[in-house]
Amino acid sequence: MKFTYDPRYNIAYIRFQEKNAEVEAIRLSDELVVDIAPDGTVYGIELLNANEQVSRDDSGEFVIVNEATGKRAEFSLVQ
């Protein structure tokens, strides 16, 4: 899995796997697009207006939590 952010276009992308087939981009809202393969596999989630979405309630922190161990890592996404 890979999380990328492009500040030029203010778009973040959560990629679950490399695209190895044509995908359909399904726009769920003005700020959310999901890329899905014909077999239903989710390839990624695109966040439009990303800096607004990631800084709404958590000061722009990206937090990864292992629910089994309680370990967590935090990364700042806003400057």
C-alpha atoms as a PDB file:
ATOM      1  CA  MET A   1       0.000   0.000   0.000  1.00  0.00           C
ATOM      2  CA  LYS A   2       1.216   3.484  -0.790  1.00  0.00           C
ATOM      3  CA  PHE A   3      -0.086   6.934   0.183  1.00  0.00           C
ATOM      4  CA  THR A   4       0.891   9.831  -2.079  1.00  0.00           C
ATOM      5  CA  TYR A   5       0.047  13.526  -2.031  1.00  0.00           C
ATOM      6  CA  ASP A   6       0.495  16.029  -4.850  1.00  0.00           C
ATOM      7  CA  PRO A   7       0.351  19.593  -3.488  1.00  0.00           C
ATOM      8  CA  ARG A   8       0.278  21.057  -7.024  1.00  0.00           C
ATOM      9  CA  TYR A   9      -3.198  19.617  -7.575  1.00  0.00           C
ATOM     10  CA  ASN A  10      -4.124  19.045  -3.913  1.00  0.00           C
ATOM     11  CA  ILE A  11      -4.840  15.356  -4.550  1.00  0.00           C
ATOM     12  CA  ALA A  12      -3.986  12.395  -2.320  1.00  0.00           C
ATOM     13  CA  TYR A  13      -4.068   8.786  -3.465  1.00  0.00           C
ATOM     14  CA  ILE A  14      -4.159   5.603  -1.410  1.00  0.00           C
ATOM     15  CA  ARG A  15      -2.934   2.810  -3.685  1.00  0.00           C
ATOM     16  CA  PHE A  16      -3.615  -0.741  -2.582  1.00  0.00           C
ATOM     17  CA  GLN A  17      -1.949  -2.387  -5.561  1.00  0.00           C
ATOM     18  CA  GLU A  18      -0.408  -1.561  -8.926  1.00  0.00           C
ATOM     19  CA  LYS A  19      -2.875  -1.228 -11.773  1.00  0.00           C
ATOM     20  CA  ASN A  20      -2.432  -4.206 -14.044  1.00  0.00           C
ATOM     21  CA  ALA A  21      -5.798  -3.867 -15.765  1.00  0.00           C
ATOM     22  CA  GLU A  22      -8.142  -1.141 -16.900  1.00  0.00           C
ATOM     23  CA  VAL A  23      -9.966   0.355 -13.959  1.00  0.00           C
ATOM     24  CA  GLU A  24     -13.216   2.235 -13.657  1.00  0.00           C
ATOM     25  CA  ALA A  25     -13.031   5.476 -11.694  1.00  0.00           C
ATOM     26  CA  ILE A  26     -16.222   5.763  -9.659  1.00  0.00           C
ATOM     27  CA  ARG A  27     -16.836   9.241  -8.298  1.00  0.00           C
ATOM     28  CA  LEU A  28     -18.620   8.829  -4.969  1.00  0.00           C
ATOM     29  CA  SER A  29     -18.678  12.538  -4.096  1.00  0.00           C
ATOM     30  CA  ASP A  30     -17.025  15.831  -5.035  1.00  0.00           C
ATOM     31  CA  GLU A  31     -14.021  14.759  -2.951  1.00  0.00           C
ATOM     32  CA  LEU A  32     -13.788  10.972  -3.360  1.00  0.00           C
ATOM     33  CA  VAL A  33     -13.021   8.715  -6.342  1.00  0.00           C
ATOM     34  CA  VAL A  34     -12.524   4.932  -6.119  1.00  0.00           C
ATOM     35  CA  ASP A  35     -10.648   3.007  -8.841  1.00  0.00           C
ATOM     36  CA  ILE A  36     -12.134  -0.473  -9.339  1.00  0.00           C
ATOM     37  CA  ALA A  37     -11.171  -3.259 -11.757  1.00  0.00           C
ATOM     38  CA  PRO A  38     -13.812  -5.230 -13.678  1.00  0.00           C
ATOM     39  CA  ASP A  39     -13.491  -8.093 -11.170  1.00  0.00           C
ATOM     40  CA  GLY A  40     -14.371  -5.744  -8.282  1.00  0.00           C
ATOM     41  CA  THR A  41     -10.813  -5.337  -6.986  1.00  0.00           C
ATOM     42  CA  VAL A  42     -10.214  -1.905  -5.473  1.00  0.00           C
ATOM     43  CA  TYR A  43      -6.953  -0.466  -6.772  1.00  0.00           C
ATOM     44  CA  GLY A  44      -7.031   2.861  -5.024  1.00  0.00           C
ATOM     45  CA  ILE A  45      -8.884   5.758  -3.481  1.00  0.00           C
ATOM     46  CA  GLU A  46      -8.342   9.316  -4.663  1.00  0.00           C
ATOM     47  CA  LEU A  47      -9.003  12.219  -2.315  1.00  0.00           C
ATOM     48  CA  LEU A  48      -9.720  15.456  -4.128  1.00  0.00           C
ATOM     49  CA  ASN A  49      -9.274  18.696  -2.159  1.00  0.00           C
ATOM     50  CA  ALA A  50      -7.010  16.554  -0.018  1.00  0.00           C
ATOM     51  CA  ASN A  51      -5.526  19.138   2.322  1.00  0.00           C
ATOM     52  CA  GLU A  52      -9.022  20.071   3.491  1.00  0.00           C
ATOM     53  CA  GLN A  53      -9.898  16.413   4.069  1.00  0.00           C
ATOM     54  CA  VAL A  54      -6.761  15.434   5.956  1.00  0.00           C
ATOM     55  CA  SER A  55      -6.721  18.490   8.189  1.00  0.00           C
ATOM     56  CA  ARG A  56     -10.355  18.663   9.252  1.00  0.00           C
ATOM     57  CA  ASP A  57     -10.163  17.176  12.730  1.00  0.00           C
ATOM     58  CA  ASP A  58      -6.630  15.976  13.287  1.00  0.00           C
ATOM     59  CA  SER A  59      -4.366  18.903  12.393  1.00  0.00           C
ATOM     60  CA  GLY A  60      -3.211  17.195   9.195  1.00  0.00           C
ATOM     61  CA  GLU A  61      -1.701  14.095  10.800  1.00  0.00           C
ATOM     62  CA  PHE A  62      -1.687  10.789   8.958  1.00  0.00           C
ATOM     63  CA  VAL A  63      -1.830   8.081  11.612  1.00  0.00           C
ATOM     64  CA  ILE A  64      -1.215   4.379  11.046  1.00  0.00           C
ATOM     65  CA  VAL A  65      -2.413   2.138  13.871  1.00  0.00           C
ATOM     66  CA  ASN A  66      -1.907  -1.607  14.262  1.00  0.00           C
ATOM     67  CA  GLU A  67      -5.084  -2.493  16.167  1.00  0.00           C
ATOM     68  CA  ALA A  68      -3.639  -5.828  17.307  1.00  0.00           C
ATOM     69  CA  THR A  69      -0.472  -4.428  18.896  1.00  0.00           C
ATOM     70  CA  GLY A  70      -1.458  -0.837  19.558  1.00  0.00           C
ATOM     71  CA  LYS A  71       1.644   0.407  17.732  1.00  0.00           C
ATOM     72  CA  ARG A  72       1.162   3.651  15.866  1.00  0.00           C
ATOM     73  CA  ALA A  73       3.079   5.928  13.536  1.00  0.00           C
ATOM     74  CA  GLU A  74       2.197   9.524  12.783  1.00  0.00           C
ATOM     75  CA  PHE A  75       3.189  11.686   9.827  1.00  0.00           C
ATOM     76  CA  SER A  76       2.371  15.340   9.244  1.00  0.00           C
ATOM     77  CA  LEU A  77       0.685  15.968   5.888  1.00  0.00           C
ATOM     78  CA  VAL A  78       0.294  19.736   6.131  1.00  0.00           C
ATOM     79  CA  GLN A  79       2.905  22.412   6.437  1.00  0.00           C
END
